[in-house]
């Protein structure tokens, strides 16, 4: 059975272009944070820690842009996913957007805060992680599998980017285990893996949205 090309309407184009623009804004905000928050070693500190302090609004903007990119891509993909795998992936993408929006609204507590002293914002940030991260990793896998056979995404590096995102999550988990056992004496795996995961996610959004943006 032949696979039909994407059906692109004006609203699809607008949503796809918004997804790409928001993804670029998110990465730009993250780069700015590395310049203004030199007190945080990027090898050991996750990006959520940038939300604590006077420049925290930039991290809020970053998370909000990631949320907007996820939701805009979801809007662009409506009607493009006839398979069950694609529809489940789309639901996961929306969940990722919701989780990222919660992360923007509820900054984490300082890393030294004891669990018993966690604020509402800190607890909600934890909820955002539990929604957003599973949503991201499942969305990129399921949607990549659903789209890779479509003509508009032929040759697009969907599965390689998915592999980068999944491997980054595994390295993050390993970094957390190392930090819990030996403190910050080993290699800084946690922070860099966290950054690679988010940059990989932004790149994946742009790659998926690009054929639907129809710039010409």
N, C-alpha and C. Protein backbone atom coordinates (compact mmCIF):
# COMPACT_ATOMS: atom_id res chain seq x y z
N UNK A 1 0.85 -1.20 0.00
CA UNK A 1 0.00 0.00 0.00
C UNK A 1 0.89 1.25 0.00
N UNK A 2 0.75 2.13 -1.01
CA UNK A 2 1.61 3.31 -1.06
C UNK A 2 1.35 4.25 0.11
N UNK A 3 2.39 4.94 0.52
CA UNK A 3 2.30 5.89 1.62
C UNK A 3 2.11 7.28 1.04
N UNK A 4 1.05 7.96 1.44
CA UNK A 4 0.74 9.27 0.88
C UNK A 4 1.63 10.34 1.50
N UNK A 5 1.93 11.39 0.74
CA UNK A 5 2.70 12.50 1.32
C UNK A 5 1.88 13.26 2.33
N UNK A 6 2.55 14.12 3.07
CA UNK A 6 1.87 14.89 4.11
C UNK A 6 0.86 15.85 3.50
N UNK A 7 -0.26 16.00 4.18
CA UNK A 7 -1.28 16.97 3.78
C UNK A 7 -1.00 18.26 4.55
N UNK A 8 -0.58 19.28 3.82
CA UNK A 8 -0.14 20.51 4.46
C UNK A 8 -1.12 21.64 4.15
N UNK A 9 -1.77 22.13 5.19
CA UNK A 9 -2.66 23.28 5.08
C UNK A 9 -1.93 24.52 5.59
N UNK A 10 -2.57 25.66 5.45
CA UNK A 10 -1.95 26.90 5.95
C UNK A 10 -1.74 26.83 7.46
N UNK A 11 -2.71 26.27 8.18
CA UNK A 11 -2.56 26.16 9.64
C UNK A 11 -1.46 25.18 10.01
N UNK A 12 -1.29 24.13 9.21
CA UNK A 12 -0.19 23.19 9.44
C UNK A 12 1.15 23.90 9.29
N UNK A 13 1.27 24.69 8.24
CA UNK A 13 2.51 25.44 8.01
C UNK A 13 2.82 26.37 9.17
N UNK A 14 1.81 27.09 9.63
CA UNK A 14 2.02 28.04 10.72
C UNK A 14 2.48 27.31 11.98
N UNK A 15 1.82 26.19 12.30
CA UNK A 15 2.19 25.42 13.49
C UNK A 15 3.59 24.86 13.37
N UNK A 16 3.95 24.34 12.20
CA UNK A 16 5.28 23.78 12.00
C UNK A 16 6.36 24.85 12.13
N UNK A 17 6.11 26.01 11.54
CA UNK A 17 7.08 27.10 11.64
C UNK A 17 7.20 27.59 13.08
N UNK A 18 6.07 27.62 13.80
CA UNK A 18 6.11 28.01 15.21
C UNK A 18 6.92 27.01 16.02
N UNK A 19 6.80 25.73 15.70
CA UNK A 19 7.56 24.69 16.41
C UNK A 19 9.06 24.89 16.21
N UNK A 20 9.45 25.16 14.97
CA UNK A 20 10.87 25.37 14.69
C UNK A 20 11.38 26.62 15.39
N UNK A 21 10.62 27.71 15.31
CA UNK A 21 11.03 28.95 15.96
C UNK A 21 11.14 28.81 17.46
N UNK A 22 10.18 28.12 18.07
CA UNK A 22 10.22 27.93 19.52
C UNK A 22 11.38 27.05 19.94
N UNK A 23 11.67 26.03 19.15
CA UNK A 23 12.81 25.15 19.46
C UNK A 23 14.12 25.93 19.40
N UNK A 24 14.25 26.79 18.40
CA UNK A 24 15.46 27.62 18.29
C UNK A 24 15.56 28.59 19.47
N UNK A 25 14.44 29.17 19.88
CA UNK A 25 14.43 30.07 21.02
C UNK A 25 14.86 29.35 22.29
N UNK A 26 14.38 28.13 22.47
CA UNK A 26 14.74 27.36 23.66
C UNK A 26 16.24 27.12 23.72
N UNK A 27 16.83 26.73 22.59
CA UNK A 27 18.27 26.47 22.56
C UNK A 27 19.04 27.77 22.78
N UNK A 28 18.57 28.87 22.19
CA UNK A 28 19.24 30.17 22.37
C UNK A 28 19.22 30.58 23.84
N UNK A 29 18.08 30.39 24.51
CA UNK A 29 17.99 30.74 25.93
C UNK A 29 18.95 29.89 26.75
N UNK A 30 19.08 28.62 26.39
CA UNK A 30 19.99 27.74 27.11
C UNK A 30 21.45 28.17 26.93
N UNK A 31 21.78 28.62 25.73
CA UNK A 31 23.15 29.11 25.48
C UNK A 31 23.42 30.36 26.30
N UNK A 32 22.45 31.26 26.35
CA UNK A 32 22.61 32.49 27.14
C UNK A 32 22.84 32.15 28.61
N UNK A 33 22.12 31.16 29.12
CA UNK A 33 22.28 30.78 30.53
C UNK A 33 23.68 30.29 30.83
N UNK A 34 24.30 29.62 29.89
CA UNK A 34 25.68 29.17 30.11
C UNK A 34 26.65 30.35 30.20
N UNK A 35 26.28 31.45 29.56
CA UNK A 35 27.14 32.63 29.62
C UNK A 35 26.93 33.42 30.90
N UNK A 36 25.70 33.49 31.39
CA UNK A 36 25.42 34.34 32.55
C UNK A 36 25.47 33.58 33.89
N UNK A 37 25.44 32.25 33.86
CA UNK A 37 25.48 31.47 35.09
C UNK A 37 26.73 30.60 35.12
N UNK A 38 27.87 31.25 35.14
CA UNK A 38 29.13 30.52 35.14
C UNK A 38 29.43 29.87 36.50
N UNK A 39 28.59 30.17 37.51
CA UNK A 39 28.78 29.57 38.82
C UNK A 39 28.35 28.11 38.86
N UNK A 40 27.59 27.67 37.87
CA UNK A 40 27.13 26.29 37.82
C UNK A 40 27.95 25.49 36.82
N UNK A 41 28.62 24.46 37.29
CA UNK A 41 29.40 23.59 36.43
C UNK A 41 28.43 22.79 35.55
N UNK A 42 28.46 22.99 34.22
CA UNK A 42 27.50 22.30 33.36
C UNK A 42 27.68 20.79 33.33
N UNK A 43 28.82 20.31 33.81
CA UNK A 43 29.01 18.87 33.87
C UNK A 43 28.21 18.19 34.96
N UNK A 44 27.95 18.93 36.04
CA UNK A 44 27.31 18.33 37.21
C UNK A 44 25.95 18.88 37.54
N UNK A 45 25.56 20.01 36.94
CA UNK A 45 24.29 20.64 37.29
C UNK A 45 23.31 20.52 36.13
N UNK A 46 22.10 20.05 36.42
CA UNK A 46 21.07 19.94 35.39
C UNK A 46 20.53 21.33 35.07
N UNK A 47 19.89 21.46 33.92
CA UNK A 47 19.48 22.79 33.47
C UNK A 47 18.39 23.39 34.36
N UNK A 48 17.62 22.56 35.05
CA UNK A 48 16.58 23.08 35.94
C UNK A 48 17.15 23.97 37.03
N UNK A 49 18.41 23.75 37.39
CA UNK A 49 19.04 24.56 38.44
C UNK A 49 19.23 26.00 38.02
N UNK A 50 19.21 26.27 36.72
CA UNK A 50 19.32 27.65 36.25
C UNK A 50 18.09 28.47 36.66
N UNK A 51 16.99 27.79 37.02
CA UNK A 51 15.77 28.51 37.38
C UNK A 51 15.87 29.16 38.76
N UNK A 52 16.88 28.78 39.54
CA UNK A 52 17.06 29.33 40.88
C UNK A 52 17.97 30.55 40.80
N UNK A 53 17.49 31.70 41.24
CA UNK A 53 18.32 32.91 41.21
C UNK A 53 17.74 34.01 40.36
N UNK A 54 18.49 35.09 40.27
CA UNK A 54 17.99 36.29 39.58
C UNK A 54 17.74 36.07 38.10
N UNK A 55 18.51 35.19 37.47
CA UNK A 55 18.33 34.92 36.04
C UNK A 55 17.38 33.75 35.79
N UNK A 56 16.65 33.36 36.82
CA UNK A 56 15.77 32.21 36.68
C UNK A 56 14.71 32.36 35.59
N UNK A 57 14.33 33.61 35.31
CA UNK A 57 13.31 33.83 34.28
C UNK A 57 13.77 33.36 32.91
N UNK A 58 15.08 33.35 32.68
CA UNK A 58 15.58 32.88 31.38
C UNK A 58 15.34 31.38 31.25
N UNK A 59 15.54 30.64 32.34
CA UNK A 59 15.26 29.21 32.31
C UNK A 59 13.76 28.98 32.15
N UNK A 60 12.96 29.83 32.79
CA UNK A 60 11.52 29.73 32.58
C UNK A 60 11.14 29.92 31.13
N UNK A 61 11.79 30.90 30.49
CA UNK A 61 11.56 31.14 29.06
C UNK A 61 11.99 29.93 28.24
N UNK A 62 13.10 29.32 28.61
CA UNK A 62 13.61 28.14 27.90
C UNK A 62 12.60 27.00 27.97
N UNK A 63 12.13 26.71 29.17
CA UNK A 63 11.15 25.63 29.32
C UNK A 63 9.85 25.97 28.59
N UNK A 64 9.42 27.22 28.68
CA UNK A 64 8.19 27.64 28.00
C UNK A 64 8.33 27.48 26.48
N UNK A 65 9.51 27.80 25.96
CA UNK A 65 9.75 27.65 24.52
C UNK A 65 9.75 26.18 24.12
N UNK A 66 10.35 25.33 24.95
CA UNK A 66 10.30 23.89 24.67
C UNK A 66 8.86 23.39 24.68
N UNK A 67 8.06 23.88 25.65
CA UNK A 67 6.66 23.49 25.72
C UNK A 67 5.91 23.93 24.47
N UNK A 68 6.13 25.19 24.07
CA UNK A 68 5.46 25.72 22.88
C UNK A 68 5.86 24.94 21.63
N UNK A 69 7.14 24.59 21.53
CA UNK A 69 7.62 23.83 20.37
C UNK A 69 6.94 22.46 20.32
N UNK A 70 6.81 21.81 21.48
CA UNK A 70 6.17 20.49 21.54
C UNK A 70 4.71 20.57 21.13
N UNK A 71 4.00 21.53 21.70
CA UNK A 71 2.57 21.65 21.42
C UNK A 71 2.30 22.11 19.99
N UNK A 72 3.14 23.01 19.48
CA UNK A 72 2.98 23.46 18.10
C UNK A 72 3.24 22.32 17.12
N UNK A 73 4.26 21.50 17.41
CA UNK A 73 4.51 20.34 16.55
C UNK A 73 3.34 19.37 16.61
N UNK A 74 2.79 19.18 17.82
CA UNK A 74 1.62 18.33 17.94
C UNK A 74 0.47 18.83 17.07
N UNK A 75 0.25 20.14 17.07
CA UNK A 75 -0.81 20.71 16.24
C UNK A 75 -0.51 20.49 14.76
N UNK A 76 0.76 20.62 14.36
CA UNK A 76 1.13 20.43 12.96
C UNK A 76 0.95 18.98 12.51
N UNK A 77 1.10 18.05 13.44
CA UNK A 77 1.03 16.63 13.08
C UNK A 77 -0.39 16.06 13.10
N UNK A 78 -1.34 16.84 13.57
CA UNK A 78 -2.73 16.36 13.56
C UNK A 78 -3.16 16.08 12.12
N UNK A 79 -3.66 14.90 11.89
CA UNK A 79 -4.07 14.51 10.55
C UNK A 79 -2.98 13.84 9.74
N UNK A 80 -1.76 13.81 10.28
CA UNK A 80 -0.64 13.21 9.56
C UNK A 80 -0.34 11.78 10.04
N UNK A 81 -1.03 11.33 11.07
CA UNK A 81 -0.64 10.08 11.74
C UNK A 81 -1.81 9.10 11.76
N UNK A 82 -1.97 8.33 10.70
CA UNK A 82 -3.12 7.41 10.64
C UNK A 82 -2.94 6.14 11.47
N UNK A 83 -1.71 5.83 11.89
CA UNK A 83 -1.46 4.58 12.60
C UNK A 83 -1.62 4.76 14.11
N UNK A 84 -1.85 3.63 14.79
CA UNK A 84 -1.98 3.66 16.24
C UNK A 84 -0.69 4.14 16.89
N UNK A 85 0.46 3.68 16.35
CA UNK A 85 1.75 4.09 16.89
C UNK A 85 1.90 5.60 16.82
N UNK A 86 1.51 6.17 15.70
CA UNK A 86 1.61 7.62 15.54
C UNK A 86 0.70 8.37 16.48
N UNK A 87 -0.48 7.87 16.68
CA UNK A 87 -1.42 8.56 17.56
C UNK A 87 -1.00 8.49 19.02
N UNK A 88 -0.46 7.36 19.42
CA UNK A 88 0.07 7.27 20.79
C UNK A 88 1.26 8.20 20.94
N UNK A 89 2.11 8.25 19.91
CA UNK A 89 3.25 9.16 19.94
C UNK A 89 2.82 10.61 20.03
N UNK A 90 1.74 10.96 19.33
CA UNK A 90 1.22 12.32 19.40
C UNK A 90 0.72 12.65 20.80
N UNK A 91 0.04 11.69 21.44
CA UNK A 91 -0.42 11.90 22.82
C UNK A 91 0.77 12.11 23.76
N UNK A 92 1.84 11.35 23.54
CA UNK A 92 3.05 11.51 24.36
C UNK A 92 3.69 12.87 24.13
N UNK A 93 3.65 13.35 22.89
CA UNK A 93 4.21 14.67 22.58
C UNK A 93 3.43 15.77 23.31
N UNK A 94 2.11 15.64 23.34
CA UNK A 94 1.30 16.62 24.07
C UNK A 94 1.62 16.55 25.56
N UNK A 95 1.79 15.34 26.08
CA UNK A 95 2.16 15.18 27.49
C UNK A 95 3.50 15.84 27.77
N UNK A 96 4.46 15.70 26.84
CA UNK A 96 5.77 16.35 27.00
C UNK A 96 5.60 17.86 27.07
N UNK A 97 4.74 18.40 26.21
CA UNK A 97 4.49 19.84 26.22
C UNK A 97 3.90 20.30 27.54
N UNK A 98 2.97 19.52 28.07
CA UNK A 98 2.36 19.87 29.36
C UNK A 98 3.42 19.83 30.47
N UNK A 99 4.24 18.78 30.47
CA UNK A 99 5.29 18.68 31.49
C UNK A 99 6.27 19.84 31.42
N UNK A 100 6.65 20.22 30.22
CA UNK A 100 7.59 21.33 30.06
C UNK A 100 6.95 22.66 30.46
N UNK A 101 5.66 22.82 30.20
CA UNK A 101 4.97 24.03 30.63
C UNK A 101 4.93 24.11 32.16
N UNK A 102 4.70 22.98 32.82
CA UNK A 102 4.73 22.96 34.28
C UNK A 102 6.11 23.31 34.81
N UNK A 103 7.16 22.82 34.11
CA UNK A 103 8.53 23.14 34.53
C UNK A 103 8.78 24.64 34.44
N UNK A 104 8.19 25.30 33.42
CA UNK A 104 8.35 26.74 33.28
C UNK A 104 7.63 27.50 34.38
N UNK A 105 6.47 27.00 34.78
CA UNK A 105 5.65 27.68 35.79
C UNK A 105 6.14 27.44 37.21
N UNK A 106 6.76 26.29 37.44
CA UNK A 106 7.15 25.90 38.80
C UNK A 106 8.65 25.58 38.84
N UNK A 107 9.48 26.58 39.15
CA UNK A 107 10.93 26.34 39.26
C UNK A 107 11.24 25.36 40.39
N UNK A 108 12.35 24.65 40.23
CA UNK A 108 12.78 23.74 41.28
C UNK A 108 13.28 24.51 42.49
N UNK A 109 13.33 23.83 43.64
CA UNK A 109 13.93 24.41 44.84
C UNK A 109 15.45 24.36 44.72
N UNK A 110 16.16 25.16 45.51
CA UNK A 110 17.62 25.00 45.55
C UNK A 110 18.01 23.56 45.83
N UNK A 111 19.10 23.12 45.25
CA UNK A 111 19.51 21.72 45.32
C UNK A 111 19.75 21.25 46.75
N UNK A 112 20.04 22.21 47.64
CA UNK A 112 20.32 21.86 49.04
C UNK A 112 19.05 21.69 49.88
N UNK A 113 17.88 21.93 49.28
CA UNK A 113 16.62 21.82 50.03
C UNK A 113 16.34 20.37 50.39
N UNK A 114 16.06 20.11 51.66
CA UNK A 114 15.71 18.76 52.10
C UNK A 114 14.33 18.40 51.58
N UNK A 115 14.09 17.12 51.26
CA UNK A 115 12.77 16.71 50.75
C UNK A 115 11.61 17.15 51.64
N UNK A 116 11.82 17.11 52.96
CA UNK A 116 10.74 17.50 53.88
C UNK A 116 10.44 18.99 53.81
N UNK A 117 11.38 19.78 53.32
CA UNK A 117 11.21 21.23 53.25
C UNK A 117 10.84 21.71 51.84
N UNK A 118 10.55 20.79 50.94
CA UNK A 118 10.25 21.17 49.57
C UNK A 118 9.02 22.07 49.49
N UNK A 119 9.13 23.09 48.67
CA UNK A 119 8.00 24.00 48.46
C UNK A 119 7.01 23.39 47.47
N UNK A 120 5.84 24.02 47.33
CA UNK A 120 4.88 23.57 46.33
C UNK A 120 5.50 23.65 44.94
N UNK A 121 6.24 24.74 44.68
CA UNK A 121 6.88 24.88 43.37
C UNK A 121 7.86 23.75 43.12
N UNK A 122 8.66 23.42 44.14
CA UNK A 122 9.63 22.34 44.00
C UNK A 122 8.96 21.00 43.75
N UNK A 123 7.87 20.74 44.46
CA UNK A 123 7.16 19.46 44.27
C UNK A 123 6.52 19.39 42.89
N UNK A 124 5.96 20.51 42.46
CA UNK A 124 5.35 20.53 41.13
C UNK A 124 6.40 20.38 40.03
N UNK A 125 7.60 20.89 40.29
CA UNK A 125 8.67 20.71 39.31
C UNK A 125 9.00 19.23 39.17
N UNK A 126 8.97 18.52 40.29
CA UNK A 126 9.16 17.08 40.22
C UNK A 126 8.08 16.39 39.41
N UNK A 127 6.84 16.85 39.56
CA UNK A 127 5.74 16.31 38.76
C UNK A 127 5.97 16.59 37.28
N UNK A 128 6.46 17.79 36.98
CA UNK A 128 6.72 18.15 35.58
C UNK A 128 7.75 17.22 34.97
N UNK A 129 8.76 16.83 35.75
CA UNK A 129 9.79 15.91 35.27
C UNK A 129 9.16 14.54 34.97
N UNK A 130 8.30 14.07 35.85
CA UNK A 130 7.70 12.75 35.69
C UNK A 130 6.74 12.69 34.51
N UNK A 131 6.20 13.84 34.12
CA UNK A 131 5.33 13.89 32.94
C UNK A 131 6.14 14.17 31.68
N UNK A 132 7.02 15.17 31.77
CA UNK A 132 7.71 15.65 30.58
C UNK A 132 8.74 14.70 30.01
N UNK A 133 9.59 14.14 30.86
CA UNK A 133 10.68 13.30 30.34
C UNK A 133 10.15 12.01 29.70
N UNK A 134 9.26 11.24 30.38
CA UNK A 134 8.69 10.08 29.68
C UNK A 134 7.95 10.47 28.41
N UNK A 135 7.25 11.60 28.46
CA UNK A 135 6.55 12.05 27.25
C UNK A 135 7.51 12.31 26.11
N UNK A 136 8.62 12.97 26.40
CA UNK A 136 9.61 13.27 25.37
C UNK A 136 10.17 12.01 24.73
N UNK A 137 10.67 11.12 25.58
CA UNK A 137 11.41 9.96 25.03
C UNK A 137 10.48 9.00 24.30
N UNK A 138 9.23 8.87 24.78
CA UNK A 138 8.28 8.01 24.07
C UNK A 138 7.80 8.67 22.78
N UNK A 139 7.60 9.98 22.82
CA UNK A 139 7.14 10.69 21.62
C UNK A 139 8.16 10.58 20.49
N UNK A 140 9.43 10.83 20.81
CA UNK A 140 10.43 10.81 19.73
C UNK A 140 10.56 9.41 19.14
N UNK A 141 10.44 8.37 19.97
CA UNK A 141 10.55 7.01 19.46
C UNK A 141 9.34 6.63 18.61
N UNK A 142 8.15 6.81 19.16
CA UNK A 142 6.95 6.37 18.46
C UNK A 142 6.69 7.19 17.20
N UNK A 143 6.88 8.50 17.29
CA UNK A 143 6.64 9.34 16.11
C UNK A 143 7.70 9.10 15.04
N UNK A 144 8.93 8.85 15.44
CA UNK A 144 9.97 8.55 14.45
C UNK A 144 9.64 7.26 13.71
N UNK A 145 9.17 6.25 14.44
CA UNK A 145 8.78 5.00 13.80
C UNK A 145 7.59 5.20 12.87
N UNK A 146 6.66 6.07 13.27
CA UNK A 146 5.46 6.30 12.46
C UNK A 146 5.75 7.13 11.21
N UNK A 147 6.75 8.02 11.29
CA UNK A 147 7.00 8.95 10.18
C UNK A 147 8.10 8.51 9.22
N UNK A 148 8.95 7.60 9.65
CA UNK A 148 10.15 7.31 8.85
C UNK A 148 9.84 6.74 7.47
N UNK A 149 8.66 6.09 7.30
CA UNK A 149 8.31 5.54 6.00
C UNK A 149 7.57 6.53 5.11
N UNK A 150 7.26 7.71 5.65
CA UNK A 150 6.52 8.70 4.87
C UNK A 150 7.48 9.42 3.92
N UNK A 151 7.03 9.72 2.70
CA UNK A 151 7.92 10.35 1.71
C UNK A 151 8.53 11.66 2.20
N UNK A 152 7.76 12.47 2.94
CA UNK A 152 8.26 13.78 3.35
C UNK A 152 9.40 13.70 4.36
N UNK A 153 9.52 12.56 5.03
CA UNK A 153 10.58 12.40 6.03
C UNK A 153 11.63 11.39 5.60
N UNK A 154 11.59 11.00 4.33
CA UNK A 154 12.58 10.05 3.83
C UNK A 154 13.98 10.64 3.95
N UNK A 155 14.87 9.92 4.55
CA UNK A 155 16.24 10.39 4.72
C UNK A 155 16.45 11.30 5.91
N UNK A 156 15.39 11.70 6.60
CA UNK A 156 15.55 12.55 7.79
C UNK A 156 16.14 11.72 8.93
N UNK A 157 17.03 12.30 9.72
CA UNK A 157 17.71 11.54 10.79
C UNK A 157 16.84 11.37 12.03
N UNK A 158 15.64 10.85 11.86
CA UNK A 158 14.73 10.71 12.99
C UNK A 158 15.23 9.69 14.00
N UNK A 159 15.59 8.49 13.53
CA UNK A 159 16.03 7.47 14.46
C UNK A 159 17.41 7.77 15.06
N UNK A 160 18.37 8.34 14.30
CA UNK A 160 19.62 8.74 14.96
C UNK A 160 19.42 9.77 16.06
N UNK A 161 18.55 10.74 15.85
CA UNK A 161 18.27 11.72 16.90
C UNK A 161 17.56 11.07 18.08
N UNK A 162 16.67 10.13 17.78
CA UNK A 162 16.02 9.38 18.86
C UNK A 162 17.05 8.63 19.69
N UNK A 163 18.03 8.02 19.01
CA UNK A 163 19.09 7.29 19.73
C UNK A 163 19.89 8.23 20.62
N UNK A 164 20.20 9.43 20.13
CA UNK A 164 20.93 10.41 20.94
C UNK A 164 20.14 10.75 22.20
N UNK A 165 18.84 10.97 22.05
CA UNK A 165 18.00 11.34 23.19
C UNK A 165 17.93 10.21 24.20
N UNK A 166 17.71 8.99 23.73
CA UNK A 166 17.60 7.85 24.64
C UNK A 166 18.93 7.55 25.34
N UNK A 167 20.04 7.61 24.59
CA UNK A 167 21.35 7.37 25.19
C UNK A 167 21.66 8.45 26.23
N UNK A 168 21.28 9.69 25.93
CA UNK A 168 21.49 10.77 26.90
C UNK A 168 20.76 10.50 28.20
N UNK A 169 19.55 9.97 28.11
CA UNK A 169 18.79 9.65 29.32
C UNK A 169 19.48 8.54 30.12
N UNK A 170 19.99 7.54 29.42
CA UNK A 170 20.71 6.46 30.11
C UNK A 170 21.95 6.99 30.80
N UNK A 171 22.68 7.87 30.12
CA UNK A 171 23.88 8.46 30.72
C UNK A 171 23.51 9.33 31.91
N UNK A 172 22.39 10.06 31.81
CA UNK A 172 21.91 10.85 32.95
C UNK A 172 21.67 9.95 34.16
N UNK A 173 21.01 8.82 33.92
CA UNK A 173 20.73 7.89 35.02
C UNK A 173 22.03 7.37 35.63
N UNK A 174 23.01 7.08 34.77
CA UNK A 174 24.31 6.63 35.28
C UNK A 174 24.99 7.74 36.07
N UNK A 175 24.86 8.98 35.60
CA UNK A 175 25.45 10.11 36.31
C UNK A 175 24.83 10.31 37.68
N UNK A 176 23.51 10.13 37.77
CA UNK A 176 22.84 10.25 39.07
C UNK A 176 23.34 9.18 40.03
N UNK A 177 23.53 7.95 39.53
CA UNK A 177 24.03 6.86 40.38
C UNK A 177 25.45 7.15 40.85
N UNK A 178 26.29 7.66 39.95
CA UNK A 178 27.67 7.97 40.32
C UNK A 178 27.72 9.09 41.35
N UNK A 179 26.87 10.10 41.15
CA UNK A 179 26.85 11.23 42.08
C UNK A 179 26.38 10.78 43.46
N UNK A 180 25.41 9.87 43.50
CA UNK A 180 24.89 9.42 44.79
C UNK A 180 25.89 8.56 45.54
N UNK A 181 26.79 7.91 44.79
CA UNK A 181 27.77 7.03 45.44
C UNK A 181 29.08 7.74 45.76
N UNK A 182 29.53 8.59 44.84
CA UNK A 182 30.85 9.17 45.03
C UNK A 182 30.91 10.67 45.02
N UNK A 183 29.75 11.35 45.11
CA UNK A 183 29.77 12.81 45.08
C UNK A 183 30.15 13.30 43.70
N UNK A 184 30.78 14.47 43.65
CA UNK A 184 31.14 15.08 42.37
C UNK A 184 32.63 14.92 42.08
N UNK A 185 33.14 13.73 42.34
CA UNK A 185 34.56 13.51 42.12
C UNK A 185 34.85 12.86 40.77
N UNK A 186 33.83 12.23 40.18
CA UNK A 186 34.03 11.56 38.91
C UNK A 186 33.76 12.49 37.74
N UNK A 187 33.62 11.89 36.55
CA UNK A 187 33.32 12.71 35.37
C UNK A 187 31.93 13.30 35.44
N UNK A 188 31.78 14.50 34.90
CA UNK A 188 30.50 15.18 34.96
C UNK A 188 29.56 14.70 33.86
N UNK A 189 29.01 13.52 34.05
CA UNK A 189 28.13 12.93 33.04
C UNK A 189 26.73 13.51 33.09
N UNK A 190 26.25 13.76 34.29
CA UNK A 190 24.84 14.11 34.48
C UNK A 190 24.44 15.37 33.72
N UNK A 191 25.18 16.45 33.96
CA UNK A 191 24.81 17.73 33.38
C UNK A 191 24.91 17.77 31.86
N UNK A 192 26.01 17.24 31.32
CA UNK A 192 26.17 17.28 29.88
C UNK A 192 25.16 16.39 29.19
N UNK A 193 24.85 15.23 29.79
CA UNK A 193 23.83 14.35 29.21
C UNK A 193 22.46 15.03 29.21
N UNK A 194 22.17 15.75 30.29
CA UNK A 194 20.91 16.49 30.38
C UNK A 194 20.81 17.53 29.27
N UNK A 195 21.89 18.23 29.02
CA UNK A 195 21.90 19.25 27.97
C UNK A 195 21.80 18.61 26.59
N UNK A 196 22.50 17.51 26.38
CA UNK A 196 22.44 16.83 25.08
C UNK A 196 21.04 16.30 24.81
N UNK A 197 20.38 15.81 25.85
CA UNK A 197 19.00 15.33 25.68
C UNK A 197 18.10 16.44 25.18
N UNK A 198 18.19 17.61 25.80
CA UNK A 198 17.30 18.71 25.42
C UNK A 198 17.66 19.30 24.06
N UNK A 199 18.94 19.40 23.76
CA UNK A 199 19.34 19.91 22.44
C UNK A 199 18.94 18.90 21.36
N UNK A 200 19.12 17.61 21.66
CA UNK A 200 18.67 16.58 20.72
C UNK A 200 17.17 16.64 20.49
N UNK A 201 16.43 16.92 21.56
CA UNK A 201 14.97 17.04 21.44
C UNK A 201 14.59 18.24 20.57
N UNK A 202 15.27 19.36 20.77
CA UNK A 202 15.01 20.54 19.94
C UNK A 202 15.32 20.25 18.47
N UNK A 203 16.43 19.56 18.22
CA UNK A 203 16.79 19.23 16.84
C UNK A 203 15.76 18.28 16.23
N UNK A 204 15.29 17.32 17.02
CA UNK A 204 14.28 16.38 16.52
C UNK A 204 13.00 17.12 16.16
N UNK A 205 12.56 18.05 17.00
CA UNK A 205 11.37 18.83 16.69
C UNK A 205 11.53 19.56 15.37
N UNK A 206 12.68 20.20 15.18
CA UNK A 206 12.92 20.96 13.95
C UNK A 206 12.92 20.05 12.72
N UNK A 207 13.52 18.87 12.85
CA UNK A 207 13.59 17.93 11.72
C UNK A 207 12.20 17.43 11.36
N UNK A 208 11.38 17.12 12.36
CA UNK A 208 10.02 16.65 12.09
C UNK A 208 9.17 17.77 11.49
N UNK A 209 9.31 18.98 12.01
CA UNK A 209 8.48 20.09 11.57
C UNK A 209 8.87 20.62 10.18
N UNK A 210 10.12 20.46 9.80
CA UNK A 210 10.63 21.10 8.58
C UNK A 210 9.82 20.78 7.31
N UNK A 211 9.51 19.50 7.03
CA UNK A 211 8.74 19.24 5.81
C UNK A 211 7.34 19.84 5.81
N UNK A 212 6.80 20.07 7.02
CA UNK A 212 5.45 20.63 7.12
C UNK A 212 5.45 22.16 7.06
N UNK A 213 6.63 22.76 7.26
CA UNK A 213 6.70 24.22 7.24
C UNK A 213 6.58 24.78 5.83
N UNK A 214 7.06 24.00 4.85
CA UNK A 214 6.93 24.39 3.43
C UNK A 214 7.30 25.85 3.20
N UNK A 215 8.60 26.14 3.37
CA UNK A 215 9.06 27.54 3.29
C UNK A 215 8.90 28.14 1.90
N UNK A 216 8.90 27.31 0.89
CA UNK A 216 8.80 27.85 -0.50
C UNK A 216 7.44 27.57 -1.11
